Amino acid sequence: MNFKLIVSILGFLIMCVGIAMLAPIPFSLHYGDADVNALLVSSAICVFTGILLWRVFRRPGEELRVRDGFLIVTLGWISVSLFGSIPFMISGAVPSFTDAFFETMSGFTTTGASILRDVERLPHGILFWRSFTHWMGGMGIIVLSLAVLPFLGIAGMQLYKAEAAGPTKDKLSPRIGETARLLWGVYVLLTVLEVIFLRIGGMSLFDSLCHAFGTIATGGFSTKNSSIGFYKSAYVDAVVTVFMFLSAMNFALHYAALSGNIKAYLRNSEWKFFVMVLAGAVCVVTVVNFVHGQYPTLLESLRFSAFNVVSVSTCTGFATTDFALWIPAAQIVLLLLMFPGGCAGSTSGAIKQVRVFLLLRNTLTELKKLIHPKAVVPVRFCGQPVEPEILSTIAAFFATYVAVFAIASLFMTILGLDIVSAVSATATCMAGCGPGLGSVGPMSNYADVPTIGKWLLSVCMLLGRLELFTVFVIFTKAFWRA
């Protein structure tokens, strides 16, 4: 294990976080808020610490091994969350270290779960930083570093393998650094487009940026206590819905479409499955809400149902209404949607649609084999047969995900949460959805969760963001053997 090189890269990431803390300062100055000094001091602490670690332990030309990559990714997310929480504490916005870490981990992992009871009282610089952690974490601060590390003489493929832990990794370019830059290009383009559309809808530049950060990163932090529902605008609802959907799709497909290959969407089995699941869920929830009188007209039911279904399914976490007050049937649909999440290669979290798709395909294949025992019926994805090893890995991931979810939910009930709140809090933190049901619903928060519960949910956020195995592998004996 190359510990010196690992510490050096962690220092580089901390330095990047420190530099990023300067981004909110123009808004602090513009609005005349008193959080400028807190941001400057926090930035100085991070930059100084980062440069010190990077320069002292730097080993140019040395290669990272796969094991190094896994450790860097896991420790990287923890490190940026620790240092990213400094502005909250110094400014006094979140004086508790536990709460500050929870909020920052929620930001970088794009979970959107918050302990803040009144976000509108926060100074604009802190609010911007809070949303900016979403944007940095969305595509992955590790992937961001891949675009820079090659220039520092450090190979990045090992980091990419650890960060992109899903079943499919679409390399757009033979060089990993170039791949990262292409993905970030698409990421920035979507962000800019949403800001423009939100500005057209009358939203301020500050709110447009913050909500675009939360949308494209499928994060969900809002500058308003009532989230997107504050604006009471069908236009804003539609814009955010569209961009939540786009952000939960494989970014490689977006790049292909921008390159002229628009049919790439239609040829992708996961995308078609995702659209089918989303459309079915929207129809069911819309009809259920309308029939039970939740909304007076079918059109209004469609507007509110579609937004919140897409928000939950894409693991974004914005809300236009308190869906915790919907009838149980609609809430169950939302709870189920938290598990599959968005597509692989997107900023969305959870199990991923491709895994669910392949599990269902494999189940159907096994049923066919019962009827025709001697038949060779391969599981196909995008027209190509899927290797048995991949199916085995997906099955193991699914089983591990369910096991972690069950154990964490049990512990949350032991800590005093009711069953609905405990289950939904665990599900949303693992999937990166943010608001859940019960006491952690969209119009509530996680402030009253016991301290131990907040740390447990923070671990769930990390596990969900890095897709379990990236973290679990470092606790195996084989990982530490020479």
Protein backbone atom coordinates (compact mmCIF):
# COMPACT_ATOMS: atom_id res chain seq x y z
CA MET A 1 0.00 0.00 0.00
CA ASN A 2 1.50 3.34 -1.06
CA PHE A 3 0.41 5.37 1.97
CA LYS A 4 2.51 8.42 1.16
CA LEU A 5 0.98 8.76 -2.29
CA ILE A 6 -2.49 8.19 -0.83
CA VAL A 7 -2.03 10.97 1.74
CA SER A 8 -0.67 13.24 -0.99
CA ILE A 9 -3.78 12.78 -3.15
CA LEU A 10 -6.05 13.31 -0.15
CA GLY A 11 -4.20 16.55 0.44
CA PHE A 12 -4.85 17.57 -3.15
CA LEU A 13 -8.58 16.89 -2.73
CA ILE A 14 -8.69 18.92 0.50
CA MET A 15 -6.91 21.76 -1.27
CA CYS A 16 -9.54 21.65 -4.06
CA VAL A 17 -12.30 21.90 -1.46
CA GLY A 18 -10.58 24.91 0.07
CA ILE A 19 -10.35 26.68 -3.27
CA ALA A 20 -14.01 25.89 -3.96
CA MET A 21 -14.96 27.66 -0.72
CA LEU A 22 -14.08 30.96 -2.39
CA ALA A 23 -16.92 30.56 -4.91
CA PRO A 24 -19.71 31.69 -2.51
CA ILE A 25 -17.90 34.89 -1.46
CA PRO A 26 -19.24 37.11 -4.31
CA PHE A 27 -22.79 36.31 -3.20
CA SER A 28 -21.93 37.04 0.44
CA LEU A 29 -20.56 40.44 -0.58
CA HIS A 30 -23.50 41.15 -2.89
CA TYR A 31 -26.10 40.44 -0.21
CA GLY A 32 -24.05 42.05 2.56
CA ASP A 33 -23.94 38.91 4.71
CA ALA A 34 -21.50 38.36 7.56
CA ASP A 35 -20.20 34.96 6.47
CA VAL A 36 -17.28 36.22 4.35
CA ASN A 37 -14.70 35.82 7.12
CA ALA A 38 -15.93 32.32 7.92
CA LEU A 39 -15.53 31.27 4.29
CA LEU A 40 -12.08 32.89 3.97
CA VAL A 41 -10.79 31.29 7.18
CA SER A 42 -12.24 27.91 6.22
CA SER A 43 -10.68 28.16 2.77
CA ALA A 44 -7.29 29.08 4.25
CA ILE A 45 -7.39 26.11 6.65
CA CYS A 46 -8.22 23.67 3.85
CA VAL A 47 -5.77 25.09 1.32
CA PHE A 48 -2.91 25.20 3.83
CA THR A 49 -3.58 21.66 5.08
CA GLY A 50 -4.05 20.33 1.56
CA ILE A 51 -0.87 21.88 0.17
CA LEU A 52 1.11 20.68 3.18
CA LEU A 53 -0.04 17.07 2.76
CA TRP A 54 0.32 17.18 -1.01
CA ARG A 55 3.82 18.66 -1.09
CA VAL A 56 5.28 16.68 1.83
CA PHE A 57 4.05 13.27 0.68
CA ARG A 58 3.99 13.82 -3.08
CA ARG A 59 5.64 11.07 -5.16
CA PRO A 60 5.58 12.13 -8.86
CA GLY A 61 5.70 9.28 -11.36
CA GLU A 62 4.60 6.58 -8.95
CA GLU A 63 1.70 4.39 -10.04
CA LEU A 64 -1.46 3.78 -8.07
CA ARG A 65 -2.61 0.22 -7.59
CA VAL A 66 -6.25 -0.83 -7.52
CA ARG A 67 -6.15 -1.19 -3.74
CA ASP A 68 -4.79 2.35 -3.42
CA GLY A 69 -7.69 3.60 -5.51
CA PHE A 70 -10.32 2.03 -3.26
CA LEU A 71 -8.73 3.51 -0.14
CA ILE A 72 -8.39 6.97 -1.71
CA VAL A 73 -12.01 7.06 -2.80
CA THR A 74 -13.36 6.02 0.59
CA LEU A 75 -11.05 8.27 2.60
CA GLY A 76 -11.52 11.01 0.00
CA TRP A 77 -15.25 11.32 0.61
CA ILE A 78 -14.72 11.29 4.37
CA SER A 79 -11.94 13.88 4.18
CA VAL A 80 -13.81 16.37 1.98
CA SER A 81 -16.87 16.02 4.23
CA LEU A 82 -14.80 16.68 7.34
CA PHE A 83 -13.11 19.75 5.91
CA GLY A 84 -16.20 20.85 4.01
CA SER A 85 -18.09 21.15 7.29
CA ILE A 86 -15.74 23.86 8.60
CA PRO A 87 -17.69 26.84 7.11
CA PHE A 88 -20.88 25.67 8.80
CA MET A 89 -19.21 25.57 12.21
CA ILE A 90 -17.12 28.75 11.97
CA SER A 91 -20.07 30.78 10.68
CA GLY A 92 -22.30 29.44 13.46
CA ALA A 93 -24.88 28.24 10.95
CA VAL A 94 -24.45 24.68 12.25
CA PRO A 95 -22.42 24.86 15.49
CA SER A 96 -22.63 21.12 16.25
CA PHE A 97 -19.85 19.05 14.65
CA THR A 98 -22.16 16.06 14.21
CA ASP A 99 -24.80 18.16 12.47
CA ALA A 100 -22.23 19.97 10.34
CA PHE A 101 -20.65 16.69 9.23
CA PHE A 102 -24.09 15.18 8.52
CA GLU A 103 -25.08 18.19 6.39
CA THR A 104 -21.78 18.17 4.49
CA MET A 105 -21.76 14.42 3.92
CA SER A 106 -25.34 14.77 2.70
CA GLY A 107 -24.16 17.48 0.32
CA PHE A 108 -21.13 15.72 -1.16
CA THR A 109 -22.96 12.40 -1.47
CA THR A 110 -25.88 14.29 -3.09
CA THR A 111 -28.29 12.85 -0.53
CA GLY A 112 -30.13 16.04 0.35
CA ALA A 113 -31.03 15.01 3.91
CA SER A 114 -30.82 18.08 6.13
CA ILE A 115 -30.76 18.89 9.84
CA LEU A 116 -31.62 22.56 9.22
CA ARG A 117 -35.04 23.62 10.46
CA ASP A 118 -34.97 27.01 8.72
CA VAL A 119 -32.63 27.22 5.73
CA GLU A 120 -33.90 30.68 4.80
CA ARG A 121 -32.22 32.21 7.86
CA LEU A 122 -28.77 31.13 6.65
CA PRO A 123 -26.48 33.71 5.00
CA HIS A 124 -26.26 33.45 1.22
CA GLY A 125 -22.62 32.39 1.16
CA ILE A 126 -23.27 29.39 3.41
CA LEU A 127 -26.39 28.51 1.41
CA PHE A 128 -24.38 28.64 -1.81
CA TRP A 129 -21.62 26.47 -0.30
CA ARG A 130 -24.25 23.99 0.86
CA SER A 131 -25.63 23.63 -2.67
CA PHE A 132 -22.16 23.75 -4.24
CA THR A 133 -21.17 20.61 -2.30
CA HIS A 134 -23.95 18.88 -4.25
CA TRP A 135 -22.54 20.02 -7.55
CA MET A 136 -19.00 18.92 -6.74
CA GLY A 137 -20.15 15.58 -5.39
CA GLY A 138 -22.63 14.92 -8.19
CA MET A 139 -20.24 13.77 -10.86
CA GLY A 140 -17.78 12.92 -8.14
CA ILE A 141 -14.99 15.00 -6.72
CA ILE A 142 -12.77 12.01 -7.41
CA VAL A 143 -13.69 12.05 -11.11
CA LEU A 144 -13.00 15.80 -11.13
CA SER A 145 -9.51 15.09 -9.89
CA LEU A 146 -8.99 12.63 -12.75
CA ALA A 147 -9.01 15.53 -15.18
CA VAL A 148 -6.15 17.14 -13.24
CA LEU A 149 -4.10 14.28 -11.76
CA PRO A 150 -2.58 13.24 -15.11
CA PHE A 151 -0.93 16.66 -15.28
CA LEU A 152 0.55 16.03 -11.84
CA GLY A 153 2.16 12.81 -12.98
CA ILE A 154 -0.34 10.55 -11.22
CA ALA A 155 -2.31 7.90 -13.06
CA GLY A 156 -6.05 7.94 -12.51
CA MET A 157 -7.51 4.67 -13.84
CA GLN A 158 -7.47 3.08 -10.39
CA LEU A 159 -9.54 5.95 -9.00
CA TYR A 160 -12.02 5.65 -11.86
CA LYS A 161 -12.50 1.94 -11.22
CA ALA A 162 -13.18 2.57 -7.54
CA GLU A 163 -15.47 5.57 -8.08
CA ALA A 164 -17.50 4.09 -10.95
CA ALA A 165 -18.45 0.95 -9.09
CA GLY A 166 -21.53 0.17 -11.18
CA PRO A 167 -21.88 -2.81 -13.51
CA THR A 168 -21.11 -0.76 -16.62
CA LYS A 169 -18.42 1.85 -17.19
CA ASP A 170 -18.65 3.69 -20.50
CA LYS A 171 -15.22 5.00 -21.40
CA LEU A 172 -15.70 7.82 -23.89
CA SER A 173 -12.00 8.14 -24.50
CA PRO A 174 -9.01 5.79 -24.18
CA ARG A 175 -7.49 8.22 -21.68
CA ILE A 176 -9.19 8.40 -18.29
CA GLY A 177 -8.39 12.10 -17.89
CA GLU A 178 -10.06 12.84 -21.20
CA THR A 179 -13.06 10.77 -20.14
CA ALA A 180 -13.43 12.85 -16.99
CA ARG A 181 -13.24 16.10 -18.94
CA LEU A 182 -15.87 14.93 -21.44
CA LEU A 183 -18.24 13.91 -18.64
CA TRP A 184 -17.73 17.20 -16.86
CA GLY A 185 -18.36 19.03 -20.12
CA VAL A 186 -21.81 17.45 -20.36
CA TYR A 187 -22.34 18.11 -16.64
CA VAL A 188 -21.54 21.82 -16.96
CA LEU A 189 -23.67 22.17 -20.11
CA LEU A 190 -26.76 20.75 -18.38
CA THR A 191 -26.14 23.04 -15.39
CA VAL A 192 -25.89 26.15 -17.55
CA LEU A 193 -29.01 25.23 -19.50
CA GLU A 194 -31.07 24.75 -16.37
CA VAL A 195 -29.88 28.05 -14.91
CA ILE A 196 -31.01 29.80 -18.10
CA PHE A 197 -34.43 28.15 -18.07
CA LEU A 198 -34.97 28.90 -14.38
CA ARG A 199 -33.99 32.53 -14.92
CA ILE A 200 -36.56 32.73 -17.71
CA GLY A 201 -39.11 31.51 -15.18
CA GLY A 202 -38.38 34.46 -12.91
CA MET A 203 -36.07 32.79 -10.40
CA SER A 204 -33.14 34.90 -9.15
CA LEU A 205 -29.62 34.10 -10.32
CA PHE A 206 -28.67 32.93 -6.82
CA ASP A 207 -31.65 30.59 -6.50
CA SER A 208 -31.25 29.41 -10.09
CA LEU A 209 -27.64 28.39 -9.49
CA CYS A 210 -28.36 26.69 -6.17
CA HIS A 211 -31.32 24.73 -7.54
CA ALA A 212 -29.45 23.83 -10.72
CA PHE A 213 -26.61 22.46 -8.58
CA GLY A 214 -29.12 20.37 -6.66
CA THR A 215 -30.95 19.19 -9.78
CA ILE A 216 -28.05 18.19 -12.01
CA ALA A 217 -26.33 16.50 -9.08
CA THR A 218 -29.67 14.87 -8.14
CA GLY A 219 -29.03 16.25 -4.66
CA GLY A 220 -32.08 18.18 -3.50
CA PHE A 221 -30.79 20.96 -1.24
CA SER A 222 -32.99 24.03 -1.70
CA THR A 223 -32.66 27.63 -0.55
CA LYS A 224 -36.30 27.56 0.57
CA ASN A 225 -37.92 25.73 3.48
CA SER A 226 -40.72 24.46 1.24
CA SER A 227 -38.28 23.46 -1.52
CA ILE A 228 -39.49 23.94 -5.12
CA GLY A 229 -43.04 24.22 -3.79
CA PHE A 230 -42.13 27.75 -2.62
CA TYR A 231 -42.35 29.10 -6.17
CA LYS A 232 -45.86 27.78 -6.88
CA SER A 233 -44.98 27.75 -10.58
CA ALA A 234 -45.97 25.03 -13.03
CA TYR A 235 -43.18 26.27 -15.33
CA VAL A 236 -40.48 25.87 -12.65
CA ASP A 237 -41.90 22.45 -11.76
CA ALA A 238 -41.66 21.36 -15.40
CA VAL A 239 -38.11 22.65 -15.88
CA VAL A 240 -36.81 20.95 -12.74
CA THR A 241 -38.65 17.73 -13.59
CA VAL A 242 -37.06 17.56 -17.05
CA PHE A 243 -33.55 18.19 -15.74
CA MET A 244 -33.96 15.71 -12.88
CA PHE A 245 -34.86 13.12 -15.50
CA LEU A 246 -31.89 14.05 -17.70
CA SER A 247 -29.50 13.94 -14.74
CA ALA A 248 -30.61 10.42 -13.80
CA MET A 249 -29.68 9.13 -17.26
CA ASN A 250 -26.30 7.74 -18.29
CA PHE A 251 -24.12 10.75 -19.15
CA ALA A 252 -22.41 8.72 -21.85
CA LEU A 253 -25.75 8.66 -23.69
CA HIS A 254 -25.96 12.45 -23.44
CA TYR A 255 -22.48 12.72 -24.91
CA ALA A 256 -23.45 10.36 -27.74
CA ALA A 257 -26.57 12.43 -28.44
CA LEU A 258 -24.58 15.67 -28.48
CA SER A 259 -22.19 14.00 -30.91
CA GLY A 260 -25.10 13.35 -33.28
CA ASN A 261 -26.09 9.84 -32.22
CA ILE A 262 -29.54 10.59 -30.78
CA LYS A 263 -30.67 6.99 -31.35
CA ALA A 264 -28.26 5.92 -28.63
CA TYR A 265 -31.07 6.41 -26.10
CA LEU A 266 -33.45 4.08 -27.92
CA ARG A 267 -30.81 1.38 -28.30
CA ASN A 268 -30.05 1.38 -24.57
CA SER A 269 -32.03 -1.25 -22.65
CA GLU A 270 -31.55 0.45 -19.28
CA TRP A 271 -32.86 3.80 -20.56
CA LYS A 272 -35.98 2.19 -22.01
CA PHE A 273 -36.57 0.27 -18.78
CA PHE A 274 -36.10 3.45 -16.74
CA VAL A 275 -38.61 5.36 -18.85
CA MET A 276 -41.11 2.53 -18.55
CA VAL A 277 -40.78 2.35 -14.75
CA LEU A 278 -41.02 6.12 -14.40
CA ALA A 279 -44.04 6.45 -16.70
CA GLY A 280 -45.84 3.61 -14.94
CA ALA A 281 -45.18 5.09 -11.49
CA VAL A 282 -46.36 8.56 -12.55
CA CYS A 283 -49.59 7.13 -13.97
CA VAL A 284 -50.33 5.04 -10.87
CA VAL A 285 -49.63 7.83 -8.35
CA THR A 286 -51.51 10.42 -10.44
CA VAL A 287 -54.65 8.25 -10.64
CA VAL A 288 -54.46 7.23 -6.97
CA ASN A 289 -54.10 10.84 -5.79
CA PHE A 290 -56.93 12.03 -8.03
CA VAL A 291 -59.32 9.23 -7.17
CA HIS A 292 -58.81 9.76 -3.43
CA GLY A 293 -59.35 13.51 -3.73
CA GLN A 294 -55.80 14.59 -3.01
CA TYR A 295 -56.10 17.10 -5.86
CA PRO A 296 -59.27 18.60 -7.39
CA THR A 297 -58.36 18.03 -11.05
CA LEU A 298 -56.53 15.30 -12.95
CA LEU A 299 -54.13 17.86 -14.44
CA GLU A 300 -53.17 19.19 -11.01
CA SER A 301 -52.74 15.64 -9.75
CA LEU A 302 -50.46 14.92 -12.70
CA ARG A 303 -48.38 18.03 -12.05
CA PHE A 304 -47.68 17.29 -8.38
CA SER A 305 -47.50 13.51 -8.74
CA ALA A 306 -45.12 13.61 -11.70
CA PHE A 307 -42.71 16.04 -10.04
CA ASN A 308 -42.43 14.14 -6.78
CA VAL A 309 -42.31 10.71 -8.42
CA VAL A 310 -39.47 11.84 -10.69
CA SER A 311 -37.74 13.53 -7.75
CA VAL A 312 -37.80 10.35 -5.65
CA SER A 313 -37.06 7.97 -8.51
CA THR A 314 -34.03 10.00 -9.61
CA CYS A 315 -32.91 10.30 -5.97
CA THR A 316 -33.00 14.10 -6.16
CA GLY A 317 -35.19 14.92 -3.19
CA PHE A 318 -36.88 18.18 -4.19
CA ALA A 319 -40.53 18.49 -3.28
CA THR A 320 -43.52 20.58 -4.33
CA THR A 321 -45.86 19.18 -1.70
CA ASP A 322 -45.72 17.14 1.48
CA PHE A 323 -46.06 13.67 -0.03
CA ALA A 324 -45.87 12.24 3.49
CA LEU A 325 -49.55 13.26 3.67
CA TRP A 326 -50.52 11.26 0.58
CA ILE A 327 -52.50 8.06 1.10
CA PRO A 328 -50.42 4.96 1.98
CA ALA A 329 -50.70 3.44 -1.52
CA ALA A 330 -48.97 6.46 -3.09
CA GLN A 331 -46.35 6.53 -0.32
CA ILE A 332 -45.55 2.85 -0.86
CA VAL A 333 -44.92 3.52 -4.55
CA LEU A 334 -42.50 6.31 -3.60
CA LEU A 335 -40.74 4.08 -1.07
CA LEU A 336 -40.29 1.33 -3.67
CA LEU A 337 -38.90 3.85 -6.18
CA MET A 338 -36.11 4.77 -3.75
CA PHE A 339 -34.42 1.40 -4.25
CA PRO A 340 -33.75 1.19 -8.02
CA GLY A 341 -32.88 4.89 -8.39
CA GLY A 342 -31.54 6.18 -11.71
CA CYS A 343 -29.30 4.80 -14.44
CA ALA A 344 -25.70 3.68 -14.15
CA GLY A 345 -23.29 6.40 -15.24
CA SER A 346 -25.57 9.14 -13.89
CA THR A 347 -25.41 11.34 -10.79
CA SER A 348 -28.28 9.34 -9.28
CA GLY A 349 -27.80 6.86 -6.47
CA ALA A 350 -29.43 3.66 -5.17
CA ILE A 351 -29.19 0.19 -6.71
CA LYS A 352 -29.40 1.48 -10.32
CA GLN A 353 -31.94 0.56 -12.97
CA VAL A 354 -29.52 -1.65 -14.91
CA ARG A 355 -29.08 -3.98 -11.94
CA VAL A 356 -32.83 -4.28 -11.43
CA PHE A 357 -33.30 -4.84 -15.16
CA LEU A 358 -30.72 -7.63 -15.28
CA LEU A 359 -32.07 -9.25 -12.11
CA LEU A 360 -35.55 -9.37 -13.64
CA ARG A 361 -34.16 -10.68 -16.93
CA ASN A 362 -32.22 -13.37 -15.11
CA THR A 363 -35.35 -14.37 -13.17
CA LEU A 364 -37.30 -14.78 -16.41
CA THR A 365 -34.43 -16.79 -17.86
CA GLU A 366 -34.47 -19.15 -14.89
CA LEU A 367 -38.21 -19.65 -15.31
CA LYS A 368 -37.69 -20.54 -18.97
CA LYS A 369 -35.05 -23.06 -17.98
CA LEU A 370 -37.56 -24.80 -15.73
CA ILE A 371 -39.70 -25.45 -18.81
CA HIS A 372 -36.76 -26.18 -21.13
CA PRO A 373 -33.93 -27.54 -18.91
CA LYS A 374 -31.55 -28.20 -21.81
CA ALA A 375 -32.05 -24.85 -23.50
CA VAL A 376 -29.27 -22.25 -23.51
CA VAL A 377 -30.99 -18.94 -22.82
CA PRO A 378 -28.50 -16.12 -22.24
CA VAL A 379 -29.45 -12.91 -20.43
CA ARG A 380 -29.03 -10.03 -22.86
CA PHE A 381 -28.40 -6.34 -22.34
CA CYS A 382 -28.54 -3.99 -25.32
CA GLY A 383 -28.57 -7.06 -27.56
CA GLN A 384 -25.38 -8.53 -26.09
CA PRO A 385 -25.18 -11.58 -23.78
CA VAL A 386 -24.26 -10.77 -20.20
CA GLU A 387 -21.47 -12.78 -18.59
CA PRO A 388 -22.53 -15.00 -15.66
CA GLU A 389 -19.88 -13.33 -13.49
CA ILE A 390 -21.63 -9.97 -13.89
CA LEU A 391 -24.99 -11.48 -12.95
CA SER A 392 -23.40 -13.08 -9.90
CA THR A 393 -21.87 -9.76 -8.84
CA ILE A 394 -25.21 -7.99 -9.27
CA ALA A 395 -26.98 -10.62 -7.18
CA ALA A 396 -24.35 -10.24 -4.45
CA PHE A 397 -24.67 -6.46 -4.54
CA PHE A 398 -28.46 -6.65 -4.30
CA ALA A 399 -28.32 -9.05 -1.36
CA THR A 400 -25.74 -6.88 0.43
CA TYR A 401 -27.79 -3.73 -0.21
CA VAL A 402 -30.93 -5.30 1.26
CA ALA A 403 -28.99 -6.66 4.25
CA VAL A 404 -27.40 -3.30 5.07
CA PHE A 405 -30.78 -1.59 4.64
CA ALA A 406 -32.48 -4.06 7.02
CA ILE A 407 -29.76 -3.86 9.69
CA ALA A 408 -29.56 -0.06 9.58
CA SER A 409 -33.36 0.25 9.71
CA LEU A 410 -33.42 -2.03 12.76
CA PHE A 411 -30.83 0.13 14.55
CA MET A 412 -32.81 3.29 13.74
CA THR A 413 -35.90 1.80 15.37
CA ILE A 414 -33.80 0.85 18.42
CA LEU A 415 -32.76 4.51 18.65
CA GLY A 416 -36.40 5.51 18.98
CA LEU A 417 -37.67 6.26 15.46
CA ASP A 418 -41.03 4.86 14.45
CA ILE A 419 -40.95 2.10 11.83
CA VAL A 420 -42.01 4.34 8.91
CA SER A 421 -39.46 7.03 9.73
CA ALA A 422 -36.67 4.51 10.41
CA VAL A 423 -37.21 2.54 7.20
CA SER A 424 -37.62 5.59 4.97
CA ALA A 425 -34.68 7.45 6.56
CA THR A 426 -32.40 4.48 5.92
CA ALA A 427 -33.73 3.96 2.40
CA THR A 428 -33.35 7.62 1.44
CA CYS A 429 -29.85 7.99 2.89
CA MET A 430 -28.60 4.83 1.18
CA ALA A 431 -30.24 5.85 -2.11
CA GLY A 432 -29.34 9.52 -1.82
CA CYS A 433 -32.97 10.69 -1.95
CA GLY A 434 -32.94 12.96 1.11
CA PRO A 435 -36.49 13.41 2.44
CA GLY A 436 -38.35 10.30 3.49
CA LEU A 437 -41.66 9.65 5.20
CA GLY A 438 -42.96 10.12 8.70
CA SER A 439 -40.85 12.40 10.92
CA VAL A 440 -38.23 12.81 8.14
CA GLY A 441 -40.73 13.76 5.43
CA PRO A 442 -40.22 16.45 2.76
CA MET A 443 -41.49 19.26 4.99
CA SER A 444 -39.59 17.97 8.03
CA ASN A 445 -35.88 17.30 8.62
CA TYR A 446 -33.37 15.08 10.42
CA ALA A 447 -32.68 17.51 13.30
CA ASP A 448 -34.43 15.35 15.88
CA VAL A 449 -32.66 12.14 14.91
CA PRO A 450 -30.40 11.04 17.83
CA THR A 451 -26.69 11.79 17.47
CA ILE A 452 -25.79 8.12 16.98
CA GLY A 453 -28.52 7.89 14.36
CA LYS A 454 -27.03 10.81 12.42
CA TRP A 455 -23.64 9.10 12.33
CA LEU A 456 -25.25 5.83 11.24
CA LEU A 457 -27.14 7.61 8.47
CA SER A 458 -23.92 9.38 7.43
CA VAL A 459 -22.33 5.96 7.01
CA CYS A 460 -25.36 4.90 4.96
CA MET A 461 -24.86 7.94 2.72
CA LEU A 462 -21.22 7.02 2.15
CA LEU A 463 -22.01 3.36 1.50
CA GLY A 464 -24.79 4.26 -0.92
CA ARG A 465 -22.74 6.84 -2.80
CA LEU A 466 -19.80 4.46 -3.25
CA GLU A 467 -22.06 1.45 -3.88
CA LEU A 468 -21.13 -0.66 -0.84
CA PHE A 469 -18.32 -2.82 -2.19
CA THR A 470 -15.89 0.10 -2.60
CA VAL A 471 -16.07 0.65 1.16
CA PHE A 472 -16.51 -2.94 2.33
CA VAL A 473 -13.50 -4.21 0.39
CA ILE A 474 -11.08 -2.25 2.59
CA PHE A 475 -12.26 -4.23 5.62
CA THR A 476 -11.25 -7.58 4.15
CA LYS A 477 -8.02 -9.38 5.03
CA ALA A 478 -7.14 -9.86 1.35
CA PHE A 479 -7.13 -6.09 0.84
CA TRP A 480 -4.29 -5.55 3.33
CA ARG A 481 -2.15 -8.48 2.29
CA ALA A 482 1.07 -7.57 0.53
